[in-house]
């Protein structure tokens, strides 16, 4: 019986495991990463940039799938941060 009850308050993406839980006070769906960490503001856009846009299809539950913009995290941004990190300072 508990599973039927939870279905009213949460949905999980079959592709990446991300979950959206309904806030019972506001009715808003709140995103949680597959790790269980609660998503921040615009985290659905980050999820799209890191996972959904590359791997998602029509089964993807992320409402931001397909979004591309400067305010989202992507693997390209993360690679740039690594490439620009001053590793040579650690050798001094």
Protein backbone atom coordinates (compact mmCIF):
# COMPACT_ATOMS: atom_id res chain seq x y z
CA UNK A 1 0.00 0.00 0.00
CA UNK A 2 2.86 2.40 0.70
CA UNK A 3 4.06 2.20 -2.93
CA UNK A 4 0.70 3.38 -4.27
CA UNK A 5 0.78 6.28 -1.86
CA UNK A 6 4.31 7.27 -2.80
CA UNK A 7 3.42 7.24 -6.49
CA UNK A 8 1.19 10.23 -5.86
CA UNK A 9 4.11 12.22 -4.48
CA UNK A 10 7.15 11.10 -6.52
CA UNK A 11 8.17 10.12 -10.02
CA UNK A 12 11.49 8.66 -11.12
CA UNK A 13 13.15 8.80 -14.53
CA UNK A 14 13.78 5.35 -15.99
CA UNK A 15 16.81 6.63 -17.90
CA UNK A 16 18.91 8.39 -15.27
CA UNK A 17 17.23 7.69 -11.93
CA UNK A 18 16.54 11.32 -11.09
CA UNK A 19 13.42 11.83 -8.98
CA UNK A 20 10.86 14.55 -8.62
CA UNK A 21 9.01 14.75 -5.31
CA UNK A 22 5.83 16.74 -4.86
CA UNK A 23 6.00 19.34 -2.11
CA UNK A 24 2.76 18.63 -0.27
CA UNK A 25 2.49 22.27 0.84
CA UNK A 26 2.92 23.98 -2.52
CA UNK A 27 2.29 21.16 -5.00
CA UNK A 28 5.59 22.02 -6.70
CA UNK A 29 7.72 19.15 -8.01
CA UNK A 30 11.22 19.26 -6.49
CA UNK A 31 14.08 17.59 -8.34
CA UNK A 32 16.53 15.21 -6.65
CA UNK A 33 19.59 13.76 -8.37
CA UNK A 34 19.92 9.97 -8.64
CA UNK A 35 22.42 10.24 -5.77
CA UNK A 36 19.62 11.49 -3.52
CA UNK A 37 20.97 15.04 -3.31
CA UNK A 38 18.29 17.72 -3.55
CA UNK A 39 18.58 19.80 -6.68
CA UNK A 40 19.29 23.51 -6.45
CA UNK A 41 17.54 26.25 -8.40
CA UNK A 42 17.94 25.44 -12.12
CA UNK A 43 19.30 21.97 -11.30
CA UNK A 44 16.95 20.52 -13.91
CA UNK A 45 18.87 22.59 -16.47
CA UNK A 46 22.14 21.20 -15.12
CA UNK A 47 20.71 17.68 -15.34
CA UNK A 48 19.78 18.40 -18.96
CA UNK A 49 23.28 19.69 -19.75
CA UNK A 50 25.05 16.78 -18.07
CA UNK A 51 22.74 13.86 -18.86
CA UNK A 52 19.40 14.37 -20.58
CA UNK A 53 20.45 16.27 -23.69
CA UNK A 54 23.00 13.59 -24.53
CA UNK A 55 21.18 10.46 -23.38
CA UNK A 56 17.53 11.41 -23.02
CA UNK A 57 14.74 10.44 -25.34
CA UNK A 58 10.95 10.63 -25.12
CA UNK A 59 11.05 8.59 -21.89
CA UNK A 60 13.04 11.36 -20.17
CA UNK A 61 11.00 13.09 -17.45
CA UNK A 62 13.12 16.23 -17.16
CA UNK A 63 11.02 19.23 -18.23
CA UNK A 64 14.25 21.04 -19.17
CA UNK A 65 15.49 18.33 -21.58
CA UNK A 66 16.62 20.10 -24.74
CA UNK A 67 17.43 23.34 -22.94
CA UNK A 68 20.83 24.84 -23.81
CA UNK A 69 21.92 28.05 -22.15
CA UNK A 70 24.69 29.90 -20.34
CA UNK A 71 23.20 29.24 -16.90
CA UNK A 72 23.50 25.45 -17.03
CA UNK A 73 26.32 23.10 -16.13
CA UNK A 74 27.73 20.99 -18.95
CA UNK A 75 30.63 18.60 -19.41
CA UNK A 76 32.22 21.19 -21.69
CA UNK A 77 32.16 23.79 -18.89
CA UNK A 78 33.64 21.32 -16.44
CA UNK A 79 36.36 20.38 -18.93
CA UNK A 80 37.23 24.07 -19.40
CA UNK A 81 37.59 24.53 -15.64
CA UNK A 82 39.98 21.58 -15.49
CA UNK A 83 41.94 22.76 -18.54
CA UNK A 84 42.34 26.27 -17.06
CA UNK A 85 43.28 25.10 -13.56
CA UNK A 86 46.86 26.16 -12.70
CA UNK A 87 48.23 22.70 -11.90
CA UNK A 88 51.80 23.99 -12.37
CA UNK A 89 51.44 26.01 -9.14
CA UNK A 90 51.27 22.78 -7.17
CA UNK A 91 54.76 21.80 -8.36
CA UNK A 92 56.40 24.93 -6.95
